[in-house]
């Protein structure tokens, strides 16, 4: 079992998700990455550029859950849970 940590921004994003009825979908993804951050399905993408070393999973067509895996600590740091287009 991996430990989950949330950035301030991810906590704000969680409130936004709840207001647009995507909370359950995000929680399902969080359970998946808490058990195994590399599990497929659902598929994930390894990000490049500014977010190099991070991973992304779709919450829906517009919103994504972006996280980093900290292997040494057996931890997952959730960076964002909202659109990646903003």
PDB file of N, CA and C in Angstrom:
ATOM      1  N   UNK A   1       0.846  -1.179   0.000  1.00  0.00           N
ATOM      2  CA  UNK A   1       0.000   0.000   0.000  1.00  0.00           C
ATOM      3  C   UNK A   1       0.892   1.244   0.000  1.00  0.00           C
ATOM      4  N   UNK A   2       0.656   2.123  -0.932  1.00  0.00           N
ATOM      5  CA  UNK A   2       1.425   3.358  -1.068  1.00  0.00           C
ATOM      6  C   UNK A   2       0.744   4.471  -0.284  1.00  0.00           C
ATOM      7  N   UNK A   3       1.544   5.345   0.298  1.00  0.00           N
ATOM      8  CA  UNK A   3       1.029   6.508   1.040  1.00  0.00           C
ATOM      9  C   UNK A   3       0.714   7.626   0.041  1.00  0.00           C
ATOM     10  N   UNK A   4      -0.437   8.264   0.186  1.00  0.00           N
ATOM     11  CA  UNK A   4      -0.808   9.382  -0.694  1.00  0.00           C
ATOM     12  C   UNK A   4      -0.574  10.717   0.009  1.00  0.00           C
ATOM     13  N   UNK A   5       0.025  11.659  -0.716  1.00  0.00           N
ATOM     14  CA  UNK A   5       0.201  13.026  -0.243  1.00  0.00           C
ATOM     15  C   UNK A   5      -0.427  13.954  -1.278  1.00  0.00           C
ATOM     16  N   UNK A   6      -1.009  15.050  -0.826  1.00  0.00           N
ATOM     17  CA  UNK A   6      -1.665  15.991  -1.731  1.00  0.00           C
ATOM     18  C   UNK A   6      -1.037  17.374  -1.597  1.00  0.00           C
ATOM     19  N   UNK A   7      -0.767  18.020  -2.732  1.00  0.00           N
ATOM     20  CA  UNK A   7      -0.302  19.404  -2.705  1.00  0.00           C
ATOM     21  C   UNK A   7      -1.492  20.293  -2.368  1.00  0.00           C
ATOM     22  N   UNK A   8      -1.209  21.552  -2.007  1.00  0.00           N
ATOM     23  CA  UNK A   8      -2.289  22.513  -1.747  1.00  0.00           C
ATOM     24  C   UNK A   8      -3.197  22.636  -2.959  1.00  0.00           C
ATOM     25  N   UNK A   9      -2.584  22.672  -4.137  1.00  0.00           N
ATOM     26  CA  UNK A   9      -3.353  22.816  -5.374  1.00  0.00           C
ATOM     27  C   UNK A   9      -4.255  21.600  -5.587  1.00  0.00           C
ATOM     28  N   UNK A  10      -3.764  20.404  -5.297  1.00  0.00           N
ATOM     29  CA  UNK A  10      -4.577  19.193  -5.463  1.00  0.00           C
ATOM     30  C   UNK A  10      -5.771  19.219  -4.520  1.00  0.00           C
ATOM     31  N   UNK A  11      -5.587  19.756  -3.320  1.00  0.00           N
ATOM     32  CA  UNK A  11      -6.701  19.855  -2.374  1.00  0.00           C
ATOM     33  C   UNK A  11      -7.767  20.827  -2.891  1.00  0.00           C
ATOM     34  N   UNK A  12      -7.321  21.941  -3.488  1.00  0.00           N
ATOM     35  CA  UNK A  12      -8.262  22.891  -4.094  1.00  0.00           C
ATOM     36  C   UNK A  12      -8.992  22.229  -5.262  1.00  0.00           C
ATOM     37  N   UNK A  13      -8.234  21.485  -6.068  1.00  0.00           N
ATOM     38  CA  UNK A  13      -8.816  20.806  -7.218  1.00  0.00           C
ATOM     39  C   UNK A  13      -9.866  19.787  -6.779  1.00  0.00           C
ATOM     40  N   UNK A  14      -9.640  19.118  -5.659  1.00  0.00           N
ATOM     41  CA  UNK A  14     -10.589  18.124  -5.153  1.00  0.00           C
ATOM     42  C   UNK A  14     -11.940  18.776  -4.853  1.00  0.00           C
ATOM     43  N   UNK A  15     -11.905  19.976  -4.304  1.00  0.00           N
ATOM     44  CA  UNK A  15     -13.159  20.684  -4.035  1.00  0.00           C
ATOM     45  C   UNK A  15     -13.885  21.026  -5.340  1.00  0.00           C
ATOM     46  N   UNK A  16     -13.113  21.418  -6.372  1.00  0.00           N
ATOM     47  CA  UNK A  16     -13.717  21.722  -7.668  1.00  0.00           C
ATOM     48  C   UNK A  16     -14.359  20.466  -8.266  1.00  0.00           C
ATOM     49  N   UNK A  17     -13.663  19.330  -8.152  1.00  0.00           N
ATOM     50  CA  UNK A  17     -14.189  18.075  -8.699  1.00  0.00           C
ATOM     51  C   UNK A  17     -15.502  17.704  -8.033  1.00  0.00           C
ATOM     52  N   UNK A  18     -15.576  17.899  -6.725  1.00  0.00           N
ATOM     53  CA  UNK A  18     -16.803  17.577  -5.996  1.00  0.00           C
ATOM     54  C   UNK A  18     -17.958  18.442  -6.496  1.00  0.00           C
ATOM     55  N   UNK A  19     -17.667  19.691  -6.856  1.00  0.00           N
ATOM     56  CA  UNK A  19     -18.730  20.599  -7.309  1.00  0.00           C
ATOM     57  C   UNK A  19     -19.247  20.266  -8.713  1.00  0.00           C
ATOM     58  N   UNK A  20     -18.457  19.502  -9.491  1.00  0.00           N
ATOM     59  CA  UNK A  20     -18.903  19.121 -10.835  1.00  0.00           C
ATOM     60  C   UNK A  20     -19.179  17.610 -10.932  1.00  0.00           C
ATOM     61  N   UNK A  21     -19.429  16.982  -9.791  1.00  0.00           N
ATOM     62  CA  UNK A  21     -19.810  15.568  -9.711  1.00  0.00           C
ATOM     63  C   UNK A  21     -18.789  14.593 -10.301  1.00  0.00           C
ATOM     64  N   UNK A  22     -17.491  14.877 -10.118  1.00  0.00           N
ATOM     65  CA  UNK A  22     -16.444  13.957 -10.561  1.00  0.00           C
ATOM     66  C   UNK A  22     -15.683  13.359  -9.377  1.00  0.00           C
ATOM     67  N   UNK A  23     -16.176  13.594  -8.168  1.00  0.00           N
ATOM     68  CA  UNK A  23     -15.485  13.128  -6.969  1.00  0.00           C
ATOM     69  C   UNK A  23     -15.324  11.600  -6.966  1.00  0.00           C
ATOM     70  N   UNK A  24     -16.375  10.862  -7.306  1.00  0.00           N
ATOM     71  CA  UNK A  24     -16.308   9.397  -7.277  1.00  0.00           C
ATOM     72  C   UNK A  24     -15.296   8.847  -8.271  1.00  0.00           C
ATOM     73  N   UNK A  25     -15.236   9.423  -9.454  1.00  0.00           N
ATOM     74  CA  UNK A  25     -14.282   8.983 -10.475  1.00  0.00           C
ATOM     75  C   UNK A  25     -12.853   9.232 -10.001  1.00  0.00           C
ATOM     76  N   UNK A  26     -12.603  10.400  -9.395  1.00  0.00           N
ATOM     77  CA  UNK A  26     -11.270  10.720  -8.887  1.00  0.00           C
ATOM     78  C   UNK A  26     -10.905   9.785  -7.739  1.00  0.00           C
ATOM     79  N   UNK A  27     -11.852   9.503  -6.848  1.00  0.00           N
ATOM     80  CA  UNK A  27     -11.570   8.602  -5.725  1.00  0.00           C
ATOM     81  C   UNK A  27     -11.236   7.202  -6.216  1.00  0.00           C
ATOM     82  N   UNK A  28     -11.896   6.742  -7.255  1.00  0.00           N
ATOM     83  CA  UNK A  28     -11.590   5.435  -7.834  1.00  0.00           C
ATOM     84  C   UNK A  28     -10.149   5.396  -8.325  1.00  0.00           C
ATOM     85  N   UNK A  29      -9.721   6.459  -9.013  1.00  0.00           N
ATOM     86  CA  UNK A  29      -8.332   6.531  -9.492  1.00  0.00           C
ATOM     87  C   UNK A  29      -7.341   6.592  -8.335  1.00  0.00           C
ATOM     88  N   UNK A  30      -7.697   7.311  -7.272  1.00  0.00           N
ATOM     89  CA  UNK A  30      -6.803   7.402  -6.112  1.00  0.00           C
ATOM     90  C   UNK A  30      -6.621   6.035  -5.446  1.00  0.00           C
ATOM     91  N   UNK A  31      -7.666   5.245  -5.397  1.00  0.00           N
ATOM     92  CA  UNK A  31      -7.557   3.897  -4.839  1.00  0.00           C
ATOM     93  C   UNK A  31      -6.618   3.049  -5.696  1.00  0.00           C
ATOM     94  N   UNK A  32      -6.740   3.168  -7.008  1.00  0.00           N
ATOM     95  CA  UNK A  32      -5.875   2.425  -7.924  1.00  0.00           C
ATOM     96  C   UNK A  32      -4.411   2.787  -7.688  1.00  0.00           C
ATOM     97  N   UNK A  33      -4.102   4.095  -7.649  1.00  0.00           N
ATOM     98  CA  UNK A  33      -2.689   4.480  -7.506  1.00  0.00           C
ATOM     99  C   UNK A  33      -2.177   4.233  -6.094  1.00  0.00           C
ATOM    100  N   UNK A  34      -3.065   4.185  -5.109  1.00  0.00           N
ATOM    101  CA  UNK A  34      -2.619   3.860  -3.753  1.00  0.00           C
ATOM    102  C   UNK A  34      -2.216   2.390  -3.677  1.00  0.00           C
ATOM    103  N   UNK A  35      -2.903   1.530  -4.398  1.00  0.00           N
ATOM    104  CA  UNK A  35      -2.555   0.109  -4.432  1.00  0.00           C
ATOM    105  C   UNK A  35      -1.324  -0.151  -5.291  1.00  0.00           C
ATOM    106  N   UNK A  36      -1.260   0.487  -6.456  1.00  0.00           N
ATOM    107  CA  UNK A  36      -0.125   0.332  -7.367  1.00  0.00           C
ATOM    108  C   UNK A  36      -0.148   1.484  -8.371  1.00  0.00           C
ATOM    109  N   UNK A  37       0.769   2.453  -8.246  1.00  0.00           N
ATOM    110  CA  UNK A  37       0.747   3.622  -9.130  1.00  0.00           C
ATOM    111  C   UNK A  37       1.040   3.308 -10.599  1.00  0.00           C
ATOM    112  N   UNK A  38       1.519   2.093 -10.879  1.00  0.00           N
ATOM    113  CA  UNK A  38       1.832   1.723 -12.265  1.00  0.00           C
ATOM    114  C   UNK A  38       0.796   0.762 -12.855  1.00  0.00           C
ATOM    115  N   UNK A  39      -0.296   0.512 -12.150  1.00  0.00           N
ATOM    116  CA  UNK A  39      -1.303  -0.449 -12.601  1.00  0.00           C
ATOM    117  C   UNK A  39      -2.025   0.032 -13.849  1.00  0.00           C
ATOM    118  N   UNK A  40      -2.235  -0.912 -14.785  1.00  0.00           N
ATOM    119  CA  UNK A  40      -3.104  -0.636 -15.924  1.00  0.00           C
ATOM    120  C   UNK A  40      -4.072  -1.788 -16.041  1.00  0.00           C
ATOM    121  N   UNK A  41      -5.288  -1.667 -16.491  1.00  0.00           N
ATOM    122  CA  UNK A  41      -5.965  -0.404 -16.684  1.00  0.00           C
ATOM    123  C   UNK A  41      -6.311   0.264 -15.362  1.00  0.00           C
ATOM    124  N   UNK A  42      -6.741   1.480 -15.309  1.00  0.00           N
ATOM    125  CA  UNK A  42      -6.821   2.417 -16.426  1.00  0.00           C
ATOM    126  C   UNK A  42      -5.434   2.876 -16.857  1.00  0.00           C
ATOM    127  N   UNK A  43      -5.287   3.223 -18.129  1.00  0.00           N
ATOM    128  CA  UNK A  43      -3.969   3.605 -18.639  1.00  0.00           C
ATOM    129  C   UNK A  43      -3.460   4.912 -18.037  1.00  0.00           C
ATOM    130  N   UNK A  44      -2.145   5.050 -18.046  1.00  0.00           N
ATOM    131  CA  UNK A  44      -1.522   6.290 -17.587  1.00  0.00           C
ATOM    132  C   UNK A  44      -0.481   6.728 -18.599  1.00  0.00           C
ATOM    133  N   UNK A  45      -0.097   8.001 -18.516  1.00  0.00           N
ATOM    134  CA  UNK A  45       0.937   8.550 -19.396  1.00  0.00           C
ATOM    135  C   UNK A  45       2.079   9.073 -18.550  1.00  0.00           C
ATOM    136  N   UNK A  46       3.294   8.850 -19.021  1.00  0.00           N
ATOM    137  CA  UNK A  46       4.455   9.462 -18.391  1.00  0.00           C
ATOM    138  C   UNK A  46       4.624  10.839 -19.032  1.00  0.00           C
ATOM    139  N   UNK A  47       4.702  11.874 -18.195  1.00  0.00           N
ATOM    140  CA  UNK A  47       4.734  13.239 -18.713  1.00  0.00           C
ATOM    141  C   UNK A  47       6.165  13.687 -19.009  1.00  0.00           C
ATOM    142  N   UNK A  48       6.288  14.676 -19.878  1.00  0.00           N
ATOM    143  CA  UNK A  48       7.586  15.241 -20.262  1.00  0.00           C
ATOM    144  C   UNK A  48       7.542  16.750 -20.046  1.00  0.00           C
ATOM    145  N   UNK A  49       8.663  17.404 -20.253  1.00  0.00           N
ATOM    146  CA  UNK A  49       8.714  18.861 -20.102  1.00  0.00           C
ATOM    147  C   UNK A  49       8.764  19.273 -18.643  1.00  0.00           C
ATOM    148  N   UNK A  50       7.969  20.297 -18.293  1.00  0.00           N
ATOM    149  CA  UNK A  50       7.956  20.819 -16.923  1.00  0.00           C
ATOM    150  C   UNK A  50       7.566  19.756 -15.905  1.00  0.00           C
ATOM    151  N   UNK A  51       6.728  18.813 -16.311  1.00  0.00           N
ATOM    152  CA  UNK A  51       6.239  17.773 -15.396  1.00  0.00           C
ATOM    153  C   UNK A  51       6.946  16.436 -15.620  1.00  0.00           C
ATOM    154  N   UNK A  52       8.166  16.496 -16.142  1.00  0.00           N
ATOM    155  CA  UNK A  52       8.935  15.277 -16.381  1.00  0.00           C
ATOM    156  C   UNK A  52       9.076  14.479 -15.090  1.00  0.00           C
ATOM    157  N   UNK A  53       8.882  13.178 -15.180  1.00  0.00           N
ATOM    158  CA  UNK A  53       8.940  12.321 -14.004  1.00  0.00           C
ATOM    159  C   UNK A  53       7.588  12.140 -13.335  1.00  0.00           C
ATOM    160  N   UNK A  54       6.568  12.821 -13.844  1.00  0.00           N
ATOM    161  CA  UNK A  54       5.217  12.699 -13.305  1.00  0.00           C
ATOM    162  C   UNK A  54       4.380  11.818 -14.224  1.00  0.00           C
ATOM    163  N   UNK A  55       3.255  11.394 -13.702  1.00  0.00           N
ATOM    164  CA  UNK A  55       2.336  10.551 -14.457  1.00  0.00           C
ATOM    165  C   UNK A  55       0.962  11.197 -14.473  1.00  0.00           C
ATOM    166  N   UNK A  56       0.164  10.826 -15.462  1.00  0.00           N
ATOM    167  CA  UNK A  56      -1.160  11.421 -15.628  1.00  0.00           C
ATOM    168  C   UNK A  56      -2.166  10.325 -15.950  1.00  0.00           C
ATOM    169  N   UNK A  57      -3.351  10.421 -15.344  1.00  0.00           N
ATOM    170  CA  UNK A  57      -4.467   9.528 -15.668  1.00  0.00           C
ATOM    171  C   UNK A  57      -5.698  10.388 -15.909  1.00  0.00           C
ATOM    172  N   UNK A  58      -6.536   9.974 -16.828  1.00  0.00           N
ATOM    173  CA  UNK A  58      -7.752  10.727 -17.150  1.00  0.00           C
ATOM    174  C   UNK A  58      -8.826  10.529 -16.090  1.00  0.00           C
ATOM    175  N   UNK A  59      -9.385  11.638 -15.607  1.00  0.00           N
ATOM    176  CA  UNK A  59     -10.586  11.593 -14.781  1.00  0.00           C
ATOM    177  C   UNK A  59     -11.784  11.578 -15.733  1.00  0.00           C
ATOM    178  N   UNK A  60     -11.745  12.458 -16.718  1.00  0.00           N
ATOM    179  CA  UNK A  60     -12.697  12.453 -17.836  1.00  0.00           C
ATOM    180  C   UNK A  60     -11.967  13.047 -19.035  1.00  0.00           C
ATOM    181  N   UNK A  61     -12.681  13.399 -20.071  1.00  0.00           N
ATOM    182  CA  UNK A  61     -12.038  13.887 -21.296  1.00  0.00           C
ATOM    183  C   UNK A  61     -11.256  15.187 -21.056  1.00  0.00           C
ATOM    184  N   UNK A  62     -11.688  15.995 -20.108  1.00  0.00           N
ATOM    185  CA  UNK A  62     -11.058  17.288 -19.868  1.00  0.00           C
ATOM    186  C   UNK A  62     -10.087  17.284 -18.689  1.00  0.00           C
ATOM    187  N   UNK A  63     -10.391  16.546 -17.651  1.00  0.00           N
ATOM    188  CA  UNK A  63      -9.623  16.613 -16.410  1.00  0.00           C
ATOM    189  C   UNK A  63      -8.710  15.412 -16.221  1.00  0.00           C
ATOM    190  N   UNK A  64      -7.576  15.691 -15.582  1.00  0.00           N
ATOM    191  CA  UNK A  64      -6.578  14.645 -15.346  1.00  0.00           C
ATOM    192  C   UNK A  64      -6.098  14.671 -13.909  1.00  0.00           C
ATOM    193  N   UNK A  65      -5.670  13.508 -13.446  1.00  0.00           N
ATOM    194  CA  UNK A  65      -5.030  13.379 -12.142  1.00  0.00           C
ATOM    195  C   UNK A  65      -3.532  13.257 -12.432  1.00  0.00           C
ATOM    196  N   UNK A  66      -2.740  14.193 -11.940  1.00  0.00           N
ATOM    197  CA  UNK A  66      -1.297  14.213 -12.192  1.00  0.00           C
ATOM    198  C   UNK A  66      -0.581  13.919 -10.881  1.00  0.00           C
ATOM    199  N   UNK A  67       0.367  12.967 -10.919  1.00  0.00           N
ATOM    200  CA  UNK A  67       1.044  12.557  -9.687  1.00  0.00           C
ATOM    201  C   UNK A  67       2.492  12.167  -9.944  1.00  0.00           C
ATOM    202  N   UNK A  68       3.266  12.186  -8.859  1.00  0.00           N
ATOM    203  CA  UNK A  68       4.657  11.733  -8.882  1.00  0.00           C
ATOM    204  C   UNK A  68       4.775  10.525  -7.970  1.00  0.00           C
ATOM    205  N   UNK A  69       5.622   9.571  -8.364  1.00  0.00           N
ATOM    206  CA  UNK A  69       5.853   8.383  -7.551  1.00  0.00           C
ATOM    207  C   UNK A  69       7.197   8.555  -6.854  1.00  0.00           C
ATOM    208  N   UNK A  70       7.180   8.478  -5.522  1.00  0.00           N
ATOM    209  CA  UNK A  70       8.397   8.575  -4.717  1.00  0.00           C
ATOM    210  C   UNK A  70       8.734   7.164  -4.235  1.00  0.00           C
ATOM    211  N   UNK A  71       9.544   6.459  -5.029  1.00  0.00           N
ATOM    212  CA  UNK A  71       9.837   5.041  -4.798  1.00  0.00           C
ATOM    213  C   UNK A  71      10.407   4.769  -3.410  1.00  0.00           C
ATOM    214  N   UNK A  72      11.397   5.572  -2.985  1.00  0.00           N
ATOM    215  CA  UNK A  72      12.099   5.317  -1.721  1.00  0.00           C
ATOM    216  C   UNK A  72      11.151   5.333  -0.528  1.00  0.00           C
ATOM    217  N   UNK A  73      10.188   6.250  -0.555  1.00  0.00           N
ATOM    218  CA  UNK A  73       9.258   6.405   0.574  1.00  0.00           C
ATOM    219  C   UNK A  73       7.983   5.591   0.388  1.00  0.00           C
ATOM    220  N   UNK A  74       7.854   4.869  -0.739  1.00  0.00           N
ATOM    221  CA  UNK A  74       6.605   4.161  -1.072  1.00  0.00           C
ATOM    222  C   UNK A  74       5.441   5.147  -0.978  1.00  0.00           C
ATOM    223  N   UNK A  75       5.606   6.306  -1.619  1.00  0.00           N
ATOM    224  CA  UNK A  75       4.610   7.374  -1.534  1.00  0.00           C
ATOM    225  C   UNK A  75       4.259   7.876  -2.938  1.00  0.00           C
ATOM    226  N   UNK A  76       3.043   8.403  -3.041  1.00  0.00           N
ATOM    227  CA  UNK A  76       2.563   9.029  -4.270  1.00  0.00           C
ATOM    228  C   UNK A  76       2.143  10.448  -3.909  1.00  0.00           C
ATOM    229  N   UNK A  77       2.715  11.414  -4.615  1.00  0.00           N
ATOM    230  CA  UNK A  77       2.395  12.822  -4.392  1.00  0.00           C
ATOM    231  C   UNK A  77       1.447  13.288  -5.493  1.00  0.00           C
ATOM    232  N   UNK A  78       0.220  13.600  -5.124  1.00  0.00           N
ATOM    233  CA  UNK A  78      -0.782  14.057  -6.089  1.00  0.00           C
ATOM    234  C   UNK A  78      -0.583  15.556  -6.299  1.00  0.00           C
ATOM    235  N   UNK A  79      -0.277  15.942  -7.535  1.00  0.00           N
ATOM    236  CA  UNK A  79       0.020  17.336  -7.864  1.00  0.00           C
ATOM    237  C   UNK A  79      -1.229  18.108  -8.284  1.00  0.00           C
ATOM    238  N   UNK A  80      -2.025  17.518  -9.171  1.00  0.00           N
ATOM    239  CA  UNK A  80      -3.221  18.207  -9.700  1.00  0.00           C
ATOM    240  C   UNK A  80      -4.334  17.187  -9.918  1.00  0.00           C
ATOM    241  N   UNK A  81      -5.576  17.690  -9.852  1.00  0.00           N
ATOM    242  CA  UNK A  81      -6.725  16.850 -10.152  1.00  0.00           C
ATOM    243  C   UNK A  81      -7.756  17.647 -10.957  1.00  0.00           C
ATOM    244  N   UNK A  82      -7.283  18.530 -11.783  1.00  0.00           N
ATOM    245  CA  UNK A  82      -8.175  19.376 -12.575  1.00  0.00           C
ATOM    246  C   UNK A  82      -7.656  19.387 -13.988  1.00  0.00           C
ATOM    247  N   UNK A  83      -8.153  20.254 -14.815  1.00  0.00           N
ATOM    248  CA  UNK A  83      -7.733  20.304 -16.209  1.00  0.00           C
ATOM    249  C   UNK A  83      -6.251  20.648 -16.339  1.00  0.00           C
ATOM    250  N   UNK A  84      -5.606  20.053 -17.312  1.00  0.00           N
ATOM    251  CA  UNK A  84      -4.205  20.390 -17.569  1.00  0.00           C
ATOM    252  C   UNK A  84      -4.085  21.451 -18.651  1.00  0.00           C
ATOM    253  N   UNK A  85      -5.202  22.006 -19.076  1.00  0.00           N
ATOM    254  CA  UNK A  85      -5.184  23.037 -20.100  1.00  0.00           C
ATOM    255  C   UNK A  85      -5.150  24.449 -19.529  1.00  0.00           C
ATOM    256  N   UNK A  86      -5.267  24.587 -18.185  1.00  0.00           N
ATOM    257  CA  UNK A  86      -5.257  25.928 -17.577  1.00  0.00           C
ATOM    258  C   UNK A  86      -3.850  26.351 -17.268  1.00  0.00           C
TER     259      UNK A  86
END
